[in-house]
Amino acid sequence: MLARTPAPSAANENDIAHYFEYSKSGLQVLEDGLKEVPFGEFMVEKAVIDRAQLFRALQMQDKYPGVRVGECAAALGYVQIGEVERLYDVWRGCSTVEVA
């Protein structure tokens, strides 16, 4: 089940506009079809981070090219790096085993 994220606040409007084409009715669909969900969106869907946290992680990633969005989210304190690694394995379709 997909987690619903709240509408962006006025403070985040500029951040959102930086990453997406935005209209009064919401995000515009520029292309239709099945595509792989980016890992950052996957973390939002799994309710590990919220949309505002994803935008902050993307902003950090812009400043530090080569650093992955999950690492940025962990560096910002939104999620533990172990959880990022586990989610990345799920996202890539790999099975994981937790060792106690």
PDB file of N, CA and C in Angstrom:
ATOM      1  N   MET A   1       0.847  -1.171   0.000  1.00  0.00           N
ATOM      2  CA  MET A   1       0.000   0.000   0.000  1.00  0.00           C
ATOM      3  C   MET A   1       0.894   1.236   0.000  1.00  0.00           C
ATOM      4  N   LEU A   2       0.568   2.203  -0.830  1.00  0.00           N
ATOM      5  CA  LEU A   2       1.339   3.424  -0.918  1.00  0.00           C
ATOM      6  C   LEU A   2       0.951   4.372   0.204  1.00  0.00           C
ATOM      7  N   ALA A   3       1.954   4.984   0.805  1.00  0.00           N
ATOM      8  CA  ALA A   3       1.702   5.959   1.852  1.00  0.00           C
ATOM      9  C   ALA A   3       1.355   7.296   1.200  1.00  0.00           C
ATOM     10  N   ARG A   4       0.367   7.951   1.688  1.00  0.00           N
ATOM     11  CA  ARG A   4      -0.019   9.264   1.171  1.00  0.00           C
ATOM     12  C   ARG A   4       0.851  10.308   1.863  1.00  0.00           C
ATOM     13  N   THR A   5       1.413  11.189   1.095  1.00  0.00           N
ATOM     14  CA  THR A   5       2.207  12.263   1.667  1.00  0.00           C
ATOM     15  C   THR A   5       1.405  13.544   1.615  1.00  0.00           C
ATOM     16  N   PRO A   6       1.576  14.404   2.625  1.00  0.00           N
ATOM     17  CA  PRO A   6       0.813  15.643   2.638  1.00  0.00           C
ATOM     18  C   PRO A   6       1.255  16.566   1.505  1.00  0.00           C
ATOM     19  N   ALA A   7       0.363  17.475   1.132  1.00  0.00           N
ATOM     20  CA  ALA A   7       0.693  18.458   0.106  1.00  0.00           C
ATOM     21  C   ALA A   7       1.856  19.312   0.601  1.00  0.00           C
ATOM     22  N   PRO A   8       2.706  19.770  -0.303  1.00  0.00           N
ATOM     23  CA  PRO A   8       3.853  20.563   0.110  1.00  0.00           C
ATOM     24  C   PRO A   8       3.426  21.891   0.715  1.00  0.00           C
ATOM     25  N   SER A   9       4.182  22.352   1.701  1.00  0.00           N
ATOM     26  CA  SER A   9       3.893  23.637   2.321  1.00  0.00           C
ATOM     27  C   SER A   9       4.452  24.748   1.441  1.00  0.00           C
ATOM     28  N   ALA A  10       4.063  25.962   1.748  1.00  0.00           N
ATOM     29  CA  ALA A  10       4.533  27.106   0.962  1.00  0.00           C
ATOM     30  C   ALA A  10       6.049  27.220   1.018  1.00  0.00           C
ATOM     31  N   ALA A  11       6.657  26.834   2.125  1.00  0.00           N
ATOM     32  CA  ALA A  11       8.107  26.900   2.266  1.00  0.00           C
ATOM     33  C   ALA A  11       8.817  25.959   1.301  1.00  0.00           C
ATOM     34  N   ASN A  12       8.151  24.875   0.932  1.00  0.00           N
ATOM     35  CA  ASN A  12       8.770  23.895   0.045  1.00  0.00           C
ATOM     36  C   ASN A  12       8.411  24.110  -1.423  1.00  0.00           C
ATOM     37  N   GLU A  13       7.572  25.095  -1.734  1.00  0.00           N
ATOM     38  CA  GLU A  13       7.130  25.325  -3.109  1.00  0.00           C
ATOM     39  C   GLU A  13       8.313  25.523  -4.064  1.00  0.00           C
ATOM     40  N   ASN A  14       9.293  26.327  -3.657  1.00  0.00           N
ATOM     41  CA  ASN A  14      10.445  26.577  -4.533  1.00  0.00           C
ATOM     42  C   ASN A  14      11.275  25.322  -4.704  1.00  0.00           C
ATOM     43  N   ASP A  15      11.409  24.527  -3.652  1.00  0.00           N
ATOM     44  CA  ASP A  15      12.154  23.274  -3.741  1.00  0.00           C
ATOM     45  C   ASP A  15      11.499  22.333  -4.744  1.00  0.00           C
ATOM     46  N   ILE A  16      10.191  22.229  -4.681  1.00  0.00           N
ATOM     47  CA  ILE A  16       9.456  21.326  -5.565  1.00  0.00           C
ATOM     48  C   ILE A  16       9.574  21.801  -7.004  1.00  0.00           C
ATOM     49  N   ALA A  17       9.404  23.084  -7.221  1.00  0.00           N
ATOM     50  CA  ALA A  17       9.476  23.624  -8.572  1.00  0.00           C
ATOM     51  C   ALA A  17      10.848  23.384  -9.191  1.00  0.00           C
ATOM     52  N   HIS A  18      11.877  23.320  -8.364  1.00  0.00           N
ATOM     53  CA  HIS A  18      13.228  23.072  -8.850  1.00  0.00           C
ATOM     54  C   HIS A  18      13.357  21.679  -9.454  1.00  0.00           C
ATOM     55  N   TYR A  19      12.614  20.706  -8.950  1.00  0.00           N
ATOM     56  CA  TYR A  19      12.768  19.325  -9.378  1.00  0.00           C
ATOM     57  C   TYR A  19      11.689  18.845 -10.351  1.00  0.00           C
ATOM     58  N   PHE A  20      10.556  19.495 -10.383  1.00  0.00           N
ATOM     59  CA  PHE A  20       9.443  19.029 -11.203  1.00  0.00           C
ATOM     60  C   PHE A  20       8.797  20.195 -11.936  1.00  0.00           C
ATOM     61  N   GLU A  21       8.148  19.899 -13.039  1.00  0.00           N
ATOM     62  CA  GLU A  21       7.290  20.894 -13.660  1.00  0.00           C
ATOM     63  C   GLU A  21       5.981  20.868 -12.880  1.00  0.00           C
ATOM     64  N   TYR A  22       5.552  21.993 -12.413  1.00  0.00           N
ATOM     65  CA  TYR A  22       4.415  22.081 -11.501  1.00  0.00           C
ATOM     66  C   TYR A  22       3.342  22.975 -12.100  1.00  0.00           C
ATOM     67  N   SER A  23       2.104  22.585 -11.949  1.00  0.00           N
ATOM     68  CA  SER A  23       0.996  23.410 -12.424  1.00  0.00           C
ATOM     69  C   SER A  23       0.018  23.621 -11.277  1.00  0.00           C
ATOM     70  N   LYS A  24      -1.017  24.429 -11.507  1.00  0.00           N
ATOM     71  CA  LYS A  24      -2.008  24.675 -10.461  1.00  0.00           C
ATOM     72  C   LYS A  24      -2.747  23.407 -10.069  1.00  0.00           C
ATOM     73  N   SER A  25      -2.867  22.478 -10.999  1.00  0.00           N
ATOM     74  CA  SER A  25      -3.576  21.232 -10.697  1.00  0.00           C
ATOM     75  C   SER A  25      -2.650  20.175 -10.103  1.00  0.00           C
ATOM     76  N   GLY A  26      -1.380  20.486  -9.948  1.00  0.00           N
ATOM     77  CA  GLY A  26      -0.438  19.528  -9.373  1.00  0.00           C
ATOM     78  C   GLY A  26       0.685  19.226 -10.342  1.00  0.00           C
ATOM     79  N   LEU A  27       1.326  18.094 -10.157  1.00  0.00           N
ATOM     80  CA  LEU A  27       2.419  17.704 -11.028  1.00  0.00           C
ATOM     81  C   LEU A  27       1.886  17.321 -12.394  1.00  0.00           C
ATOM     82  N   GLN A  28       2.527  17.774 -13.429  1.00  0.00           N
ATOM     83  CA  GLN A  28       2.126  17.431 -14.786  1.00  0.00           C
ATOM     84  C   GLN A  28       2.755  16.100 -15.177  1.00  0.00           C
ATOM     85  N   VAL A  29       1.984  15.279 -15.828  1.00  0.00           N
ATOM     86  CA  VAL A  29       2.507  14.032 -16.373  1.00  0.00           C
ATOM     87  C   VAL A  29       3.049  14.357 -17.755  1.00  0.00           C
ATOM     88  N   LEU A  30       4.361  14.299 -17.900  1.00  0.00           N
ATOM     89  CA  LEU A  30       4.983  14.626 -19.169  1.00  0.00           C
ATOM     90  C   LEU A  30       5.128  13.404 -20.055  1.00  0.00           C
ATOM     91  N   GLU A  31       5.064  12.226 -19.444  1.00  0.00           N
ATOM     92  CA  GLU A  31       5.266  11.000 -20.186  1.00  0.00           C
ATOM     93  C   GLU A  31       4.512   9.892 -19.462  1.00  0.00           C
ATOM     94  N   ASP A  32       3.939   8.966 -20.198  1.00  0.00           N
ATOM     95  CA  ASP A  32       3.179   7.891 -19.595  1.00  0.00           C
ATOM     96  C   ASP A  32       3.871   6.566 -19.890  1.00  0.00           C
ATOM     97  N   GLY A  33       3.678   5.608 -19.017  1.00  0.00           N
ATOM     98  CA  GLY A  33       4.259   4.291 -19.223  1.00  0.00           C
ATOM     99  C   GLY A  33       4.894   3.777 -17.946  1.00  0.00           C
ATOM    100  N   LEU A  34       5.264   2.522 -17.961  1.00  0.00           N
ATOM    101  CA  LEU A  34       5.902   1.920 -16.794  1.00  0.00           C
ATOM    102  C   LEU A  34       7.375   2.280 -16.760  1.00  0.00           C
ATOM    103  N   LYS A  35       7.816   2.719 -15.615  1.00  0.00           N
ATOM    104  CA  LYS A  35       9.217   3.074 -15.426  1.00  0.00           C
ATOM    105  C   LYS A  35       9.637   2.637 -14.031  1.00  0.00           C
ATOM    106  N   GLU A  36      10.916   2.422 -13.885  1.00  0.00           N
ATOM    107  CA  GLU A  36      11.440   2.072 -12.584  1.00  0.00           C
ATOM    108  C   GLU A  36      11.284   3.263 -11.637  1.00  0.00           C
ATOM    109  N   VAL A  37      10.815   3.002 -10.439  1.00  0.00           N
ATOM    110  CA  VAL A  37      10.646   4.043  -9.435  1.00  0.00           C
ATOM    111  C   VAL A  37      12.027   4.402  -8.893  1.00  0.00           C
ATOM    112  N   PRO A  38      12.386   5.693  -8.875  1.00  0.00           N
ATOM    113  CA  PRO A  38      13.677   6.074  -8.292  1.00  0.00           C
ATOM    114  C   PRO A  38      13.736   5.668  -6.818  1.00  0.00           C
ATOM    115  N   PHE A  39      14.940   5.403  -6.349  1.00  0.00           N
ATOM    116  CA  PHE A  39      15.099   4.915  -4.979  1.00  0.00           C
ATOM    117  C   PHE A  39      14.548   5.907  -3.949  1.00  0.00           C
ATOM    118  N   GLY A  40      14.730   7.191  -4.181  1.00  0.00           N
ATOM    119  CA  GLY A  40      14.189   8.189  -3.250  1.00  0.00           C
ATOM    120  C   GLY A  40      12.682   8.106  -3.148  1.00  0.00           C
ATOM    121  N   GLU A  41      12.013   7.950  -4.279  1.00  0.00           N
ATOM    122  CA  GLU A  41      10.553   7.794  -4.278  1.00  0.00           C
ATOM    123  C   GLU A  41      10.148   6.494  -3.584  1.00  0.00           C
ATOM    124  N   PHE A  42      10.952   5.452  -3.758  1.00  0.00           N
ATOM    125  CA  PHE A  42      10.683   4.185  -3.092  1.00  0.00           C
ATOM    126  C   PHE A  42      10.725   4.363  -1.575  1.00  0.00           C
ATOM    127  N   MET A  43      11.687   5.131  -1.074  1.00  0.00           N
ATOM    128  CA  MET A  43      11.768   5.385   0.371  1.00  0.00           C
ATOM    129  C   MET A  43      10.543   6.147   0.862  1.00  0.00           C
ATOM    130  N   VAL A  44      10.029   7.079   0.051  1.00  0.00           N
ATOM    131  CA  VAL A  44       8.816   7.814   0.424  1.00  0.00           C
ATOM    132  C   VAL A  44       7.620   6.868   0.436  1.00  0.00           C
ATOM    133  N   GLU A  45       7.503   6.012  -0.594  1.00  0.00           N
ATOM    134  CA  GLU A  45       6.392   5.061  -0.665  1.00  0.00           C
ATOM    135  C   GLU A  45       6.388   4.111   0.530  1.00  0.00           C
ATOM    136  N   LYS A  46       7.565   3.753   1.009  1.00  0.00           N
ATOM    137  CA  LYS A  46       7.678   2.850   2.159  1.00  0.00           C
ATOM    138  C   LYS A  46       7.568   3.599   3.484  1.00  0.00           C
ATOM    139  N   ALA A  47       7.326   4.910   3.429  1.00  0.00           N
ATOM    140  CA  ALA A  47       7.143   5.770   4.606  1.00  0.00           C
ATOM    141  C   ALA A  47       8.372   5.791   5.509  1.00  0.00           C
ATOM    142  N   VAL A  48       9.547   5.631   4.913  1.00  0.00           N
ATOM    143  CA  VAL A  48      10.799   5.719   5.659  1.00  0.00           C
ATOM    144  C   VAL A  48      11.179   7.182   5.838  1.00  0.00           C
ATOM    145  N   ILE A  49      10.946   7.964   4.787  1.00  0.00           N
ATOM    146  CA  ILE A  49      11.129   9.412   4.845  1.00  0.00           C
ATOM    147  C   ILE A  49       9.891  10.051   4.223  1.00  0.00           C
ATOM    148  N   ASP A  50       9.687  11.324   4.510  1.00  0.00           N
ATOM    149  CA  ASP A  50       8.559  12.008   3.872  1.00  0.00           C
ATOM    150  C   ASP A  50       9.065  12.804   2.669  1.00  0.00           C
ATOM    151  N   ARG A  51       8.172  13.400   1.941  1.00  0.00           N
ATOM    152  CA  ARG A  51       8.535  14.095   0.705  1.00  0.00           C
ATOM    153  C   ARG A  51       9.483  15.263   0.966  1.00  0.00           C
ATOM    154  N   ALA A  52       9.255  16.032   2.017  1.00  0.00           N
ATOM    155  CA  ALA A  52      10.134  17.160   2.334  1.00  0.00           C
ATOM    156  C   ALA A  52      11.549  16.662   2.637  1.00  0.00           C
ATOM    157  N   GLN A  53      11.660  15.550   3.349  1.00  0.00           N
ATOM    158  CA  GLN A  53      12.975  14.989   3.636  1.00  0.00           C
ATOM    159  C   GLN A  53      13.659  14.514   2.355  1.00  0.00           C
ATOM    160  N   LEU A  54      12.892  13.947   1.432  1.00  0.00           N
ATOM    161  CA  LEU A  54      13.455  13.540   0.154  1.00  0.00           C
ATOM    162  C   LEU A  54      14.002  14.756  -0.584  1.00  0.00           C
ATOM    163  N   PHE A  55      13.276  15.853  -0.602  1.00  0.00           N
ATOM    164  CA  PHE A  55      13.756  17.052  -1.279  1.00  0.00           C
ATOM    165  C   PHE A  55      15.039  17.577  -0.657  1.00  0.00           C
ATOM    166  N   ARG A  56      15.121  17.537   0.664  1.00  0.00           N
ATOM    167  CA  ARG A  56      16.354  17.980   1.331  1.00  0.00           C
ATOM    168  C   ARG A  56      17.516  17.057   0.962  1.00  0.00           C
ATOM    169  N   ALA A  57      17.260  15.765   0.904  1.00  0.00           N
ATOM    170  CA  ALA A  57      18.300  14.817   0.510  1.00  0.00           C
ATOM    171  C   ALA A  57      18.723  15.055  -0.942  1.00  0.00           C
ATOM    172  N   LEU A  58      17.764  15.369  -1.822  1.00  0.00           N
ATOM    173  CA  LEU A  58      18.091  15.672  -3.214  1.00  0.00           C
ATOM    174  C   LEU A  58      18.898  16.968  -3.330  1.00  0.00           C
ATOM    175  N   GLN A  59      18.569  17.945  -2.491  1.00  0.00           N
ATOM    176  CA  GLN A  59      19.342  19.185  -2.485  1.00  0.00           C
ATOM    177  C   GLN A  59      20.784  18.908  -2.066  1.00  0.00           C
ATOM    178  N   MET A  60      20.947  18.075  -1.046  1.00  0.00           N
ATOM    179  CA  MET A  60      22.287  17.714  -0.597  1.00  0.00           C
ATOM    180  C   MET A  60      23.031  16.968  -1.703  1.00  0.00           C
ATOM    181  N   GLN A  61      22.324  16.099  -2.402  1.00  0.00           N
ATOM    182  CA  GLN A  61      22.929  15.338  -3.495  1.00  0.00           C
ATOM    183  C   GLN A  61      23.383  16.280  -4.617  1.00  0.00           C
ATOM    184  N   ASP A  62      22.641  17.356  -4.860  1.00  0.00           N
ATOM    185  CA  ASP A  62      23.052  18.351  -5.853  1.00  0.00           C
ATOM    186  C   ASP A  62      24.391  18.986  -5.478  1.00  0.00           C
ATOM    187  N   LYS A  63      24.592  19.212  -4.186  1.00  0.00           N
ATOM    188  CA  LYS A  63      25.825  19.837  -3.711  1.00  0.00           C
ATOM    189  C   LYS A  63      27.008  18.872  -3.736  1.00  0.00           C
ATOM    190  N   TYR A  64      26.720  17.574  -3.598  1.00  0.00           N
ATOM    191  CA  TYR A  64      27.768  16.561  -3.534  1.00  0.00           C
ATOM    192  C   TYR A  64      27.520  15.484  -4.583  1.00  0.00           C
ATOM    193  N   PRO A  65      27.844  15.777  -5.838  1.00  0.00           N
ATOM    194  CA  PRO A  65      27.621  14.786  -6.899  1.00  0.00           C
ATOM    195  C   PRO A  65      28.375  13.487  -6.597  1.00  0.00           C
ATOM    196  N   GLY A  66      27.761  12.389  -6.935  1.00  0.00           N
ATOM    197  CA  GLY A  66      28.375  11.091  -6.681  1.00  0.00           C
ATOM    198  C   GLY A  66      27.909  10.450  -5.388  1.00  0.00           C
ATOM    199  N   VAL A  67      27.300  11.246  -4.500  1.00  0.00           N
ATOM    200  CA  VAL A  67      26.754  10.703  -3.256  1.00  0.00           C
ATOM    201  C   VAL A  67      25.320  10.288  -3.538  1.00  0.00           C
ATOM    202  N   ARG A  68      24.961   9.103  -3.117  1.00  0.00           N
ATOM    203  CA  ARG A  68      23.617   8.580  -3.393  1.00  0.00           C
ATOM    204  C   ARG A  68      22.583   9.206  -2.466  1.00  0.00           C
ATOM    205  N   VAL A  69      21.347   9.261  -2.946  1.00  0.00           N
ATOM    206  CA  VAL A  69      20.282   9.923  -2.202  1.00  0.00           C
ATOM    207  C   VAL A  69      20.036   9.250  -0.848  1.00  0.00           C
ATOM    208  N   GLY A  70      20.151   7.936  -0.782  1.00  0.00           N
ATOM    209  CA  GLY A  70      19.991   7.240   0.494  1.00  0.00           C
ATOM    210  C   GLY A  70      21.065   7.618   1.488  1.00  0.00           C
ATOM    211  N   GLU A  71      22.283   7.782   1.003  1.00  0.00           N
ATOM    212  CA  GLU A  71      23.380   8.214   1.869  1.00  0.00           C
ATOM    213  C   GLU A  71      23.138   9.632   2.368  1.00  0.00           C
ATOM    214  N   CYS A  72      22.586  10.478   1.510  1.00  0.00           N
ATOM    215  CA  CYS A  72      22.254  11.849   1.915  1.00  0.00           C
ATOM    216  C   CYS A  72      21.177  11.845   2.996  1.00  0.00           C
ATOM    217  N   ALA A  73      20.148  11.019   2.806  1.00  0.00           N
ATOM    218  CA  ALA A  73      19.074  10.932   3.803  1.00  0.00           C
ATOM    219  C   ALA A  73      19.632  10.450   5.138  1.00  0.00           C
ATOM    220  N   ALA A  74      20.566   9.510   5.101  1.00  0.00           N
ATOM    221  CA  ALA A  74      21.186   9.015   6.333  1.00  0.00           C
ATOM    222  C   ALA A  74      22.064  10.094   6.962  1.00  0.00           C
ATOM    223  N   ALA A  75      22.834  10.805   6.149  1.00  0.00           N
ATOM    224  CA  ALA A  75      23.704  11.865   6.664  1.00  0.00           C
ATOM    225  C   ALA A  75      22.895  12.986   7.314  1.00  0.00           C
ATOM    226  N   LEU A  76      21.698  13.226   6.798  1.00  0.00           N
ATOM    227  CA  LEU A  76      20.826  14.254   7.377  1.00  0.00           C
ATOM    228  C   LEU A  76      20.089  13.760   8.619  1.00  0.00           C
ATOM    229  N   GLY A  77      20.238  12.481   8.950  1.00  0.00           N
ATOM    230  CA  GLY A  77      19.631  11.932  10.156  1.00  0.00           C
ATOM    231  C   GLY A  77      18.204  11.469   9.994  1.00  0.00           C
ATOM    232  N   TYR A  78      17.730  11.329   8.763  1.00  0.00           N
ATOM    233  CA  TYR A  78      16.351  10.918   8.531  1.00  0.00           C
ATOM    234  C   TYR A  78      16.158   9.418   8.651  1.00  0.00           C
ATOM    235  N   VAL A  79      17.203   8.649   8.410  1.00  0.00           N
ATOM    236  CA  VAL A  79      17.113   7.188   8.405  1.00  0.00           C
ATOM    237  C   VAL A  79      18.501   6.624   8.705  1.00  0.00           C
ATOM    238  N   GLN A  80      18.550   5.456   9.316  1.00  0.00           N
ATOM    239  CA  GLN A  80      19.826   4.801   9.586  1.00  0.00           C
ATOM    240  C   GLN A  80      20.385   4.206   8.297  1.00  0.00           C
ATOM    241  N   ILE A  81      21.711   4.206   8.146  1.00  0.00           N
ATOM    242  CA  ILE A  81      22.329   3.702   6.925  1.00  0.00           C
ATOM    243  C   ILE A  81      22.030   2.216   6.712  1.00  0.00           C
ATOM    244  N   GLY A  82      21.887   1.445   7.788  1.00  0.00           N
ATOM    245  CA  GLY A  82      21.535   0.032   7.662  1.00  0.00           C
ATOM    246  C   GLY A  82      20.165  -0.154   7.040  1.00  0.00           C
ATOM    247  N   GLU A  83      19.239   0.714   7.392  1.00  0.00           N
ATOM    248  CA  GLU A  83      17.898   0.668   6.813  1.00  0.00           C
ATOM    249  C   GLU A  83      17.950   1.048   5.333  1.00  0.00           C
ATOM    250  N   VAL A  84      18.789   2.016   4.994  1.00  0.00           N
ATOM    251  CA  VAL A  84      18.956   2.403   3.590  1.00  0.00           C
ATOM    252  C   VAL A  84      19.472   1.217   2.784  1.00  0.00           C
ATOM    253  N   GLU A  85      20.466   0.526   3.314  1.00  0.00           N
ATOM    254  CA  GLU A  85      21.039  -0.635   2.617  1.00  0.00           C
ATOM    255  C   GLU A  85      20.008  -1.743   2.450  1.00  0.00           C
ATOM    256  N   ARG A  86      19.214  -1.993   3.493  1.00  0.00           N
ATOM    257  CA  ARG A  86      18.181  -3.026   3.415  1.00  0.00           C
ATOM    258  C   ARG A  86      17.135  -2.653   2.362  1.00  0.00           C
ATOM    259  N   LEU A  87      16.688  -1.401   2.390  1.00  0.00           N
ATOM    260  CA  LEU A  87      15.701  -0.942   1.413  1.00  0.00           C
ATOM    261  C   LEU A  87      16.260  -0.977   0.000  1.00  0.00           C
ATOM    262  N   TYR A  88      17.522  -0.649  -0.155  1.00  0.00           N
ATOM    263  CA  TYR A  88      18.135  -0.673  -1.483  1.00  0.00           C
ATOM    264  C   TYR A  88      18.112  -2.094  -2.052  1.00  0.00           C
ATOM    265  N   ASP A  89      18.401  -3.077  -1.199  1.00  0.00           N
ATOM    266  CA  ASP A  89      18.347  -4.471  -1.646  1.00  0.00           C
ATOM    267  C   ASP A  89      16.933  -4.858  -2.072  1.00  0.00           C
ATOM    268  N   VAL A  90      15.933  -4.416  -1.314  1.00  0.00           N
ATOM    269  CA  VAL A  90      14.537  -4.692  -1.677  1.00  0.00           C
ATOM    270  C   VAL A  90      14.207  -4.004  -2.996  1.00  0.00           C
ATOM    271  N   TRP A  91      14.621  -2.749  -3.141  1.00  0.00           N
ATOM    272  CA  TRP A  91      14.351  -1.969  -4.346  1.00  0.00           C
ATOM    273  C   TRP A  91      14.968  -2.616  -5.583  1.00  0.00           C
ATOM    274  N   ARG A  92      16.162  -3.147  -5.438  1.00  0.00           N
ATOM    275  CA  ARG A  92      16.843  -3.794  -6.540  1.00  0.00           C
ATOM    276  C   ARG A  92      16.300  -5.199  -6.809  1.00  0.00           C
ATOM    277  N   GLY A  93      15.432  -5.692  -5.935  1.00  0.00           N
ATOM    278  CA  GLY A  93      14.840  -7.005  -6.144  1.00  0.00           C
ATOM    279  C   GLY A  93      15.667  -8.141  -5.578  1.00  0.00           C
ATOM    280  N   CYS A  94      16.636  -7.816  -4.769  1.00  0.00           N
ATOM    281  CA  CYS A  94      17.470  -8.848  -4.153  1.00  0.00           C
ATOM    282  C   CYS A  94      16.819  -9.311  -2.872  1.00  0.00           C
ATOM    283  N   SER A  95      16.915 -10.600  -2.608  1.00  0.00           N
ATOM    284  CA  SER A  95      16.423 -11.091  -1.331  1.00  0.00           C
ATOM    285  C   SER A  95      17.468 -10.836  -0.262  1.00  0.00           C
ATOM    286  N   THR A  96      16.999 -10.539   0.941  1.00  0.00           N
ATOM    287  CA  THR A  96      17.914 -10.250   2.038  1.00  0.00           C
ATOM    288  C   THR A  96      17.644 -11.167   3.202  1.00  0.00           C
ATOM    289  N   VAL A  97      18.662 -11.359   4.008  1.00  0.00           N
ATOM    290  CA  VAL A  97      18.548 -12.183   5.205  1.00  0.00           C
ATOM    291  C   VAL A  97      19.090 -11.370   6.356  1.00  0.00           C
ATOM    292  N   GLU A  98      18.320 -11.270   7.426  1.00  0.00           N
ATOM    293  CA  GLU A  98      18.786 -10.570   8.609  1.00  0.00           C
ATOM    294  C   GLU A  98      19.431 -11.561   9.555  1.00  0.00           C
ATOM    295  N   VAL A  99      20.633 -11.245  10.021  1.00  0.00           N
ATOM    296  CA  VAL A  99      21.364 -12.101  10.933  1.00  0.00           C
ATOM    297  C   VAL A  99      21.213 -11.543  12.336  1.00  0.00           C
ATOM    298  N   ALA A 100      20.753 -12.369  13.249  1.00  0.00           N
ATOM    299  CA  ALA A 100      20.536 -11.904  14.624  1.00  0.00           C
ATOM    300  C   ALA A 100      21.787 -12.015  15.452  1.00  0.00           C
TER     301      ALA A 100
END
